[in-house]
């Protein structure tokens, strides 16, 4: 069980690193729950878009993608090297 947990955590961190390679910055969108329609089109409604100035922006440095990929890969290798449980 611990092996699978380490492997899953390594995959998660490595995939975040890969995603940081493809994006320049993340712009988060705030949506009021009381005004949102119940459905897929409610997410895309123009009345839900908040002004650009008030949106939080995550701008990761370039080195972070490679660091996350290497940390995730080392964690996956560690999970493969863990000794098997003998009952």
Protein backbone atom coordinates (compact mmCIF):
# COMPACT_ATOMS: atom_id res chain seq x y z
CA UNK A 1 0.00 0.00 0.00
CA UNK A 2 2.80 2.42 0.84
CA UNK A 3 4.45 1.60 -2.48
CA UNK A 4 1.37 2.61 -4.42
CA UNK A 5 1.02 5.79 -2.37
CA UNK A 6 4.59 6.86 -3.10
CA UNK A 7 4.20 6.01 -6.77
CA UNK A 8 0.95 8.00 -7.02
CA UNK A 9 2.51 11.00 -5.27
CA UNK A 10 5.49 10.82 -7.66
CA UNK A 11 3.23 10.70 -10.71
CA UNK A 12 1.23 13.66 -9.40
CA UNK A 13 4.31 15.81 -8.81
CA UNK A 14 5.89 14.82 -12.15
CA UNK A 15 2.69 15.66 -14.05
CA UNK A 16 2.59 19.09 -12.41
CA UNK A 17 6.14 19.58 -13.64
CA UNK A 18 5.13 18.62 -17.18
CA UNK A 19 2.19 20.99 -17.04
CA UNK A 20 4.46 23.84 -15.90
CA UNK A 21 6.58 23.24 -19.01
CA UNK A 22 3.62 24.01 -21.26
CA UNK A 23 2.17 27.07 -19.50
CA UNK A 24 3.61 30.50 -18.80
CA UNK A 25 1.26 31.52 -16.00
CA UNK A 26 -1.99 30.47 -14.33
CA UNK A 27 -4.81 32.99 -14.03
CA UNK A 28 -7.40 31.91 -11.48
CA UNK A 29 -11.03 32.87 -11.94
CA UNK A 30 -13.31 33.71 -9.02
CA UNK A 31 -16.98 32.78 -9.47
CA UNK A 32 -19.87 33.65 -7.18
CA UNK A 33 -21.81 30.49 -6.30
CA UNK A 34 -25.10 32.32 -5.80
CA UNK A 35 -25.21 33.64 -9.39
CA UNK A 36 -23.88 30.55 -11.16
CA UNK A 37 -26.21 28.54 -13.38
CA UNK A 38 -26.47 24.82 -12.80
CA UNK A 39 -24.82 23.37 -15.86
CA UNK A 40 -21.83 23.45 -18.15
CA UNK A 41 -22.80 26.71 -19.86
CA UNK A 42 -23.06 28.42 -16.49
CA UNK A 43 -19.29 28.13 -16.09
CA UNK A 44 -18.70 29.95 -19.35
CA UNK A 45 -21.21 32.76 -18.95
CA UNK A 46 -19.78 36.23 -19.47
CA UNK A 47 -21.55 37.54 -16.38
CA UNK A 48 -19.38 35.25 -14.23
CA UNK A 49 -16.04 36.64 -15.38
CA UNK A 50 -14.38 38.85 -12.79
CA UNK A 51 -12.30 41.86 -13.77
CA UNK A 52 -8.71 41.05 -14.79
CA UNK A 53 -7.16 43.19 -12.07
CA UNK A 54 -8.70 41.17 -9.25
CA UNK A 55 -7.72 37.74 -10.56
CA UNK A 56 -4.90 36.00 -8.74
CA UNK A 57 -2.01 35.03 -11.03
CA UNK A 58 0.47 32.20 -10.43
CA UNK A 59 3.67 32.77 -12.41
CA UNK A 60 6.07 29.85 -11.70
CA UNK A 61 9.77 30.30 -12.48
CA UNK A 62 11.24 28.27 -15.34
CA UNK A 63 13.32 26.04 -13.09
CA UNK A 64 10.27 24.82 -11.17
CA UNK A 65 9.06 22.57 -14.00
CA UNK A 66 12.34 20.65 -14.12
CA UNK A 67 12.57 20.46 -10.33
CA UNK A 68 9.06 19.03 -10.00
CA UNK A 69 9.68 16.49 -12.77
CA UNK A 70 12.92 15.31 -11.17
CA UNK A 71 11.42 15.12 -7.66
CA UNK A 72 8.47 13.13 -9.01
CA UNK A 73 10.73 10.79 -10.96
CA UNK A 74 12.98 10.15 -7.95
CA UNK A 75 9.90 9.45 -5.82
CA UNK A 76 8.61 6.95 -8.39
CA UNK A 77 12.02 5.24 -8.49
CA UNK A 78 12.06 5.14 -4.69
CA UNK A 79 8.66 3.44 -4.68
CA UNK A 80 9.99 0.81 -7.10
CA UNK A 81 13.02 0.22 -4.85
CA UNK A 82 11.00 -0.27 -1.67
CA UNK A 83 11.20 -3.85 -0.42
CA UNK A 84 8.15 -5.99 -1.02
CA UNK A 85 6.11 -6.84 2.00
CA UNK A 86 6.37 -10.47 3.08
CA UNK A 87 3.51 -11.81 5.17
